[in-house]
Amino acid sequence: PMAVLTAVYLVPRVVYQQYLLGKLH
C-alpha cells in the first residue's frame, strides 16, 4: 500500500517540486 501511496504522491511533486518551486522563488 505504501508503494501505491508513494506513486500517488508524485502528483503534487510534479506540480510543485518539479515545475512551480523554481518559479515561486
PDB file of all heavy atoms in Angstrom:
ATOM      1  N   PRO A   1       0.806  -1.229   0.000  1.00  0.00           N
ATOM      2  CA  PRO A   1       0.000   0.000   0.000  1.00  0.00           C
ATOM      3  C   PRO A   1       0.837   1.277   0.000  1.00  0.00           C
ATOM      4  O   PRO A   1       0.466   2.275  -0.630  1.00  0.00           O
ATOM      5  CB  PRO A   1      -0.825  -0.121   1.289  1.00  0.00           C
ATOM      6  CG  PRO A   1      -0.860  -1.563   1.590  1.00  0.00           C
ATOM      7  CD  PRO A   1       0.455  -2.101   1.131  1.00  0.00           C
ATOM      8  N   MET A   2       1.969   1.268   0.705  1.00  0.00           N
ATOM      9  CA  MET A   2       2.817   2.459   0.708  1.00  0.00           C
ATOM     10  C   MET A   2       3.420   2.708  -0.674  1.00  0.00           C
ATOM     11  O   MET A   2       3.660   3.857  -1.054  1.00  0.00           O
ATOM     12  CB  MET A   2       3.928   2.321   1.750  1.00  0.00           C
ATOM     13  CG  MET A   2       3.458   2.434   3.191  1.00  0.00           C
ATOM     14  SD  MET A   2       2.523   3.943   3.576  1.00  0.00           S
ATOM     15  CE  MET A   2       3.714   5.205   3.174  1.00  0.00           C
ATOM     16  N   ALA A   3       3.683   1.627  -1.433  1.00  0.00           N
ATOM     17  CA  ALA A   3       4.164   1.810  -2.801  1.00  0.00           C
ATOM     18  C   ALA A   3       3.093   2.495  -3.650  1.00  0.00           C
ATOM     19  O   ALA A   3       3.398   3.369  -4.483  1.00  0.00           O
ATOM     20  CB  ALA A   3       4.541   0.463  -3.410  1.00  0.00           C
ATOM     21  N   VAL A   4       1.835   2.116  -3.453  1.00  0.00           N
ATOM     22  CA  VAL A   4       0.737   2.782  -4.166  1.00  0.00           C
ATOM     23  C   VAL A   4       0.652   4.244  -3.749  1.00  0.00           C
ATOM     24  O   VAL A   4       0.503   5.149  -4.587  1.00  0.00           O
ATOM     25  CB  VAL A   4      -0.595   2.061  -3.887  1.00  0.00           C
ATOM     26  CG1 VAL A   4      -1.760   2.801  -4.549  1.00  0.00           C
ATOM     27  CG2 VAL A   4      -0.537   0.623  -4.377  1.00  0.00           C
ATOM     28  N   LEU A   5       0.746   4.500  -2.449  1.00  0.00           N
ATOM     29  CA  LEU A   5       0.644   5.870  -1.950  1.00  0.00           C
ATOM     30  C   LEU A   5       1.808   6.720  -2.454  1.00  0.00           C
ATOM     31  O   LEU A   5       1.620   7.894  -2.811  1.00  0.00           O
ATOM     32  CB  LEU A   5       0.633   5.844  -0.422  1.00  0.00           C
ATOM     33  CG  LEU A   5      -0.214   6.921   0.261  1.00  0.00           C
ATOM     34  CD1 LEU A   5      -1.672   6.732  -0.105  1.00  0.00           C
ATOM     35  CD2 LEU A   5      -0.049   6.846   1.771  1.00  0.00           C
ATOM     36  N   THR A   6       3.005   6.151  -2.482  1.00  0.00           N
ATOM     37  CA  THR A   6       4.160   6.886  -2.998  1.00  0.00           C
ATOM     38  C   THR A   6       3.951   7.281  -4.453  1.00  0.00           C
ATOM     39  O   THR A   6       4.304   8.396  -4.869  1.00  0.00           O
ATOM     40  CB  THR A   6       5.434   6.033  -2.868  1.00  0.00           C
ATOM     41  OG1 THR A   6       5.613   5.669  -1.498  1.00  0.00           O
ATOM     42  CG2 THR A   6       6.656   6.793  -3.346  1.00  0.00           C
ATOM     43  N   ALA A   7       3.365   6.377  -5.237  1.00  0.00           N
ATOM     44  CA  ALA A   7       3.078   6.694  -6.636  1.00  0.00           C
ATOM     45  C   ALA A   7       2.051   7.819  -6.749  1.00  0.00           C
ATOM     46  O   ALA A   7       2.180   8.736  -7.572  1.00  0.00           O
ATOM     47  CB  ALA A   7       2.567   5.441  -7.351  1.00  0.00           C
ATOM     48  N   VAL A   8       1.036   7.791  -5.890  1.00  0.00           N
ATOM     49  CA  VAL A   8       0.011   8.840  -5.907  1.00  0.00           C
ATOM     50  C   VAL A   8       0.620  10.185  -5.508  1.00  0.00           C
ATOM     51  O   VAL A   8       0.271  11.239  -6.076  1.00  0.00           O
ATOM     52  CB  VAL A   8      -1.135   8.454  -4.957  1.00  0.00           C
ATOM     53  CG1 VAL A   8      -2.075   9.634  -4.721  1.00  0.00           C
ATOM     54  CG2 VAL A   8      -1.914   7.273  -5.528  1.00  0.00           C
ATOM     55  N   TYR A   9       1.542  10.176  -4.549  1.00  0.00           N
ATOM     56  CA  TYR A   9       2.151  11.424  -4.087  1.00  0.00           C
ATOM     57  C   TYR A   9       3.033  12.085  -5.145  1.00  0.00           C
ATOM     58  O   TYR A   9       3.491  13.220  -4.946  1.00  0.00           O
ATOM     59  CB  TYR A   9       2.991  11.159  -2.836  1.00  0.00           C
ATOM     60  CG  TYR A   9       2.189  10.884  -1.586  1.00  0.00           C
ATOM     61  CD1 TYR A   9       2.809  10.429  -0.431  1.00  0.00           C
ATOM     62  CD2 TYR A   9       0.814  11.082  -1.548  1.00  0.00           C
ATOM     63  CE1 TYR A   9       2.090  10.176   0.724  1.00  0.00           C
ATOM     64  CE2 TYR A   9       0.084  10.831  -0.410  1.00  0.00           C
ATOM     65  CZ  TYR A   9       0.726  10.374   0.732  1.00  0.00           C
ATOM     66  OH  TYR A   9       0.004  10.125   1.871  1.00  0.00           O
ATOM     67  N   LEU A  10       3.281  11.405  -6.240  1.00  0.00           N
ATOM     68  CA  LEU A  10       4.046  12.026  -7.314  1.00  0.00           C
ATOM     69  C   LEU A  10       3.277  13.175  -7.977  1.00  0.00           C
ATOM     70  O   LEU A  10       3.878  14.036  -8.608  1.00  0.00           O
ATOM     71  CB  LEU A  10       4.418  10.979  -8.372  1.00  0.00           C
ATOM     72  CG  LEU A  10       5.421   9.918  -7.938  1.00  0.00           C
ATOM     73  CD1 LEU A  10       5.593   8.879  -9.040  1.00  0.00           C
ATOM     74  CD2 LEU A  10       6.752  10.544  -7.592  1.00  0.00           C
ATOM     75  N   VAL A  11       1.952  13.184  -7.825  1.00  0.00           N
ATOM     76  CA  VAL A  11       1.146  14.241  -8.471  1.00  0.00           C
ATOM     77  C   VAL A  11       1.513  15.618  -7.926  1.00  0.00           C
ATOM     78  O   VAL A  11       1.878  16.526  -8.702  1.00  0.00           O
ATOM     79  CB  VAL A  11      -0.360  13.942  -8.315  1.00  0.00           C
ATOM     80  CG1 VAL A  11      -1.188  15.098  -8.877  1.00  0.00           C
ATOM     81  CG2 VAL A  11      -0.721  12.637  -9.016  1.00  0.00           C
ATOM     82  N   PRO A  12       1.427  15.877  -6.611  1.00  0.00           N
ATOM     83  CA  PRO A  12       1.850  17.206  -6.139  1.00  0.00           C
ATOM     84  C   PRO A  12       3.338  17.458  -6.347  1.00  0.00           C
ATOM     85  O   PRO A  12       3.756  18.605  -6.492  1.00  0.00           O
ATOM     86  CB  PRO A  12       1.490  17.189  -4.644  1.00  0.00           C
ATOM     87  CG  PRO A  12       1.387  15.755  -4.277  1.00  0.00           C
ATOM     88  CD  PRO A  12       0.896  15.056  -5.501  1.00  0.00           C
ATOM     89  N   ARG A  13       4.135  16.404  -6.367  1.00  0.00           N
ATOM     90  CA  ARG A  13       5.565  16.587  -6.625  1.00  0.00           C
ATOM     91  C   ARG A  13       5.802  17.144  -8.021  1.00  0.00           C
ATOM     92  O   ARG A  13       6.647  18.024  -8.208  1.00  0.00           O
ATOM     93  CB  ARG A  13       6.293  15.253  -6.450  1.00  0.00           C
ATOM     94  CG  ARG A  13       7.771  15.336  -6.754  1.00  0.00           C
ATOM     95  CD  ARG A  13       8.462  14.005  -6.520  1.00  0.00           C
ATOM     96  NE  ARG A  13       9.862  14.066  -6.919  1.00  0.00           N
ATOM     97  CZ  ARG A  13      10.831  14.568  -6.185  1.00  0.00           C
ATOM     98  NH1 ARG A  13      10.557  15.073  -5.007  1.00  0.00           N
ATOM     99  NH2 ARG A  13      12.076  14.578  -6.614  1.00  0.00           N
ATOM    100  N   VAL A  14       5.060  16.650  -9.006  1.00  0.00           N
ATOM    101  CA  VAL A  14       5.200  17.154 -10.375  1.00  0.00           C
ATOM    102  C   VAL A  14       4.854  18.636 -10.434  1.00  0.00           C
ATOM    103  O   VAL A  14       5.593  19.458 -10.975  1.00  0.00           O
ATOM    104  CB  VAL A  14       4.304  16.353 -11.339  1.00  0.00           C
ATOM    105  CG1 VAL A  14       4.193  17.065 -12.682  1.00  0.00           C
ATOM    106  CG2 VAL A  14       4.874  14.960 -11.550  1.00  0.00           C
ATOM    107  N   VAL A  15       3.709  18.981  -9.843  1.00  0.00           N
ATOM    108  CA  VAL A  15       3.208  20.351  -9.978  1.00  0.00           C
ATOM    109  C   VAL A  15       4.084  21.340  -9.211  1.00  0.00           C
ATOM    110  O   VAL A  15       4.420  22.417  -9.733  1.00  0.00           O
ATOM    111  CB  VAL A  15       1.748  20.428  -9.489  1.00  0.00           C
ATOM    112  CG1 VAL A  15       1.237  21.868  -9.550  1.00  0.00           C
ATOM    113  CG2 VAL A  15       0.864  19.517 -10.330  1.00  0.00           C
ATOM    114  N   TYR A  16       4.480  21.003  -7.999  1.00  0.00           N
ATOM    115  CA  TYR A  16       5.173  21.969  -7.151  1.00  0.00           C
ATOM    116  C   TYR A  16       6.682  21.801  -7.149  1.00  0.00           C
ATOM    117  O   TYR A  16       7.423  22.757  -7.393  1.00  0.00           O
ATOM    118  CB  TYR A  16       4.607  21.907  -5.725  1.00  0.00           C
ATOM    119  CG  TYR A  16       3.269  22.584  -5.644  1.00  0.00           C
ATOM    120  CD1 TYR A  16       2.100  21.858  -5.829  1.00  0.00           C
ATOM    121  CD2 TYR A  16       3.160  23.947  -5.457  1.00  0.00           C
ATOM    122  CE1 TYR A  16       0.856  22.475  -5.797  1.00  0.00           C
ATOM    123  CE2 TYR A  16       1.941  24.587  -5.423  1.00  0.00           C
ATOM    124  CZ  TYR A  16       0.786  23.844  -5.601  1.00  0.00           C
ATOM    125  OH  TYR A  16      -0.439  24.464  -5.586  1.00  0.00           O
ATOM    126  N   GLN A  17       7.193  20.598  -6.875  1.00  0.00           N
ATOM    127  CA  GLN A  17       8.641  20.430  -6.785  1.00  0.00           C
ATOM    128  C   GLN A  17       9.318  20.515  -8.148  1.00  0.00           C
ATOM    129  O   GLN A  17      10.419  21.054  -8.266  1.00  0.00           O
ATOM    130  CB  GLN A  17       8.962  19.082  -6.129  1.00  0.00           C
ATOM    131  CG  GLN A  17       8.549  18.992  -4.669  1.00  0.00           C
ATOM    132  CD  GLN A  17       9.344  19.933  -3.781  1.00  0.00           C
ATOM    133  OE1 GLN A  17      10.513  20.164  -4.007  1.00  0.00           O
ATOM    134  NE2 GLN A  17       8.698  20.476  -2.763  1.00  0.00           N
ATOM    135  N   GLN A  18       8.685  19.975  -9.185  1.00  0.00           N
ATOM    136  CA  GLN A  18       9.350  19.895 -10.477  1.00  0.00           C
ATOM    137  C   GLN A  18       8.965  21.007 -11.440  1.00  0.00           C
ATOM    138  O   GLN A  18       9.633  21.181 -12.448  1.00  0.00           O
ATOM    139  CB  GLN A  18       9.065  18.537 -11.126  1.00  0.00           C
ATOM    140  CG  GLN A  18       9.634  17.381 -10.327  1.00  0.00           C
ATOM    141  CD  GLN A  18       9.441  16.056 -11.017  1.00  0.00           C
ATOM    142  OE1 GLN A  18       8.789  15.961 -12.046  1.00  0.00           O
ATOM    143  NE2 GLN A  18      10.005  15.010 -10.447  1.00  0.00           N
ATOM    144  N   TYR A  19       7.898  21.731 -11.163  1.00  0.00           N
ATOM    145  CA  TYR A  19       7.518  22.805 -12.088  1.00  0.00           C
ATOM    146  C   TYR A  19       7.433  24.169 -11.408  1.00  0.00           C
ATOM    147  O   TYR A  19       8.052  25.129 -11.857  1.00  0.00           O
ATOM    148  CB  TYR A  19       6.182  22.483 -12.766  1.00  0.00           C
ATOM    149  CG  TYR A  19       5.786  23.537 -13.772  1.00  0.00           C
ATOM    150  CD1 TYR A  19       6.419  23.598 -15.011  1.00  0.00           C
ATOM    151  CD2 TYR A  19       4.825  24.496 -13.476  1.00  0.00           C
ATOM    152  CE1 TYR A  19       6.092  24.585 -15.926  1.00  0.00           C
ATOM    153  CE2 TYR A  19       4.492  25.477 -14.386  1.00  0.00           C
ATOM    154  CZ  TYR A  19       5.120  25.526 -15.607  1.00  0.00           C
ATOM    155  OH  TYR A  19       4.805  26.507 -16.509  1.00  0.00           O
ATOM    156  N   LEU A  20       6.698  24.277 -10.313  1.00  0.00           N
ATOM    157  CA  LEU A  20       6.392  25.594  -9.765  1.00  0.00           C
ATOM    158  C   LEU A  20       7.412  26.129  -8.770  1.00  0.00           C
ATOM    159  O   LEU A  20       7.499  27.349  -8.592  1.00  0.00           O
ATOM    160  CB  LEU A  20       5.018  25.569  -9.082  1.00  0.00           C
ATOM    161  CG  LEU A  20       3.802  25.722  -9.990  1.00  0.00           C
ATOM    162  CD1 LEU A  20       2.527  25.628  -9.167  1.00  0.00           C
ATOM    163  CD2 LEU A  20       3.838  27.040 -10.751  1.00  0.00           C
ATOM    164  N   LEU A  21       8.185  25.268  -8.096  1.00  0.00           N
ATOM    165  CA  LEU A  21       9.002  25.760  -6.988  1.00  0.00           C
ATOM    166  C   LEU A  21      10.026  26.788  -7.442  1.00  0.00           C
ATOM    167  O   LEU A  21      10.198  27.836  -6.806  1.00  0.00           O
ATOM    168  CB  LEU A  21       9.688  24.594  -6.283  1.00  0.00           C
ATOM    169  CG  LEU A  21      10.449  24.964  -5.008  1.00  0.00           C
ATOM    170  CD1 LEU A  21       9.537  25.673  -4.010  1.00  0.00           C
ATOM    171  CD2 LEU A  21      11.068  23.731  -4.373  1.00  0.00           C
ATOM    172  N   GLY A  22      10.741  26.498  -8.543  1.00  0.00           N
ATOM    173  CA  GLY A  22      11.709  27.475  -9.037  1.00  0.00           C
ATOM    174  C   GLY A  22      11.052  28.786  -9.412  1.00  0.00           C
ATOM    175  O   GLY A  22      11.597  29.872  -9.178  1.00  0.00           O
ATOM    176  N   LYS A  23       9.849  28.714  -9.999  1.00  0.00           N
ATOM    177  CA  LYS A  23       9.126  29.929 -10.369  1.00  0.00           C
ATOM    178  C   LYS A  23       8.644  30.678  -9.123  1.00  0.00           C
ATOM    179  O   LYS A  23       8.664  31.916  -9.090  1.00  0.00           O
ATOM    180  CB  LYS A  23       7.935  29.559 -11.266  1.00  0.00           C
ATOM    181  CG  LYS A  23       8.338  28.842 -12.559  1.00  0.00           C
ATOM    182  CD  LYS A  23       7.108  28.453 -13.366  1.00  0.00           C
ATOM    183  CE  LYS A  23       7.506  27.574 -14.543  1.00  0.00           C
ATOM    184  NZ  LYS A  23       8.416  28.235 -15.471  1.00  0.00           N
ATOM    185  N   LEU A  24       8.204  29.935  -8.109  1.00  0.00           N
ATOM    186  CA  LEU A  24       7.760  30.596  -6.877  1.00  0.00           C
ATOM    187  C   LEU A  24       8.894  31.372  -6.220  1.00  0.00           C
ATOM    188  O   LEU A  24       8.660  32.438  -5.640  1.00  0.00           O
ATOM    189  CB  LEU A  24       7.194  29.560  -5.907  1.00  0.00           C
ATOM    190  CG  LEU A  24       5.809  28.996  -6.244  1.00  0.00           C
ATOM    191  CD1 LEU A  24       5.485  27.806  -5.352  1.00  0.00           C
ATOM    192  CD2 LEU A  24       4.736  30.064  -6.104  1.00  0.00           C
ATOM    193  N   HIS A  25      10.119  30.856  -6.304  1.00  0.00           N
ATOM    194  CA  HIS A  25      11.258  31.593  -5.760  1.00  0.00           C
ATOM    195  C   HIS A  25      11.433  32.919  -6.498  1.00  0.00           C
ATOM    196  O   HIS A  25      11.791  33.932  -5.886  1.00  0.00           O
ATOM    197  CB  HIS A  25      12.529  30.756  -5.885  1.00  0.00           C
ATOM    198  CG  HIS A  25      12.681  29.720  -4.806  1.00  0.00           C
ATOM    199  ND1 HIS A  25      12.731  30.044  -3.465  1.00  0.00           N
ATOM    200  CD2 HIS A  25      12.797  28.375  -4.879  1.00  0.00           C
ATOM    201  CE1 HIS A  25      12.872  28.939  -2.757  1.00  0.00           C
ATOM    202  NE2 HIS A  25      12.912  27.909  -3.580  1.00  0.00           N
TER     203      HIS A  25
END
